[in-house]
Amino acid sequence: MASTSADRHSWMQAARCVELDRHALTDPDPRGTDSSWLCLRCPVQATCLGWALVTGADQGVLGGVGPEQRRAIRAELLARLGGRFMAGSPELAEVVRNQTQPRLRSRRNGQARQLGPAR
């Protein structure tokens, strides 16, 4: 039995954006709003970003990162790899980890709180 794209990328079914109109993440918003907030607590954010970097996906927000930033990250990563395969590399894992790990932001009272993907 031939596998389909959906079979190969079954992780996509767990994405928070799967029930949204795909245009919410792929079309530029004329108001200039950033839709990457949808990815913050997505259980597959890191997988999504890794897939986008490996495949060179250049449309919309994937893994919480817009296309321009992803292109820059991918170019830097390819330079670091020096011709080696990106998929499965420690360099890719490091970039994805750095881009998707929880970030600390300050509250007004000075206490920090954790934001980012659910763990």
Foldseek 3Di string as FASTA:
>chain_A
DDDDPCRVPVVVVQFQCPPPDVCLFFPQDPVRDAPLVSLFARPCLLVFLLVCLLVVDQTGATSSDHRVVSVVVSVVLCVVCVPDRDPPDPSSVVVSCVVFPWDWDADPVGDIDTTGYDD
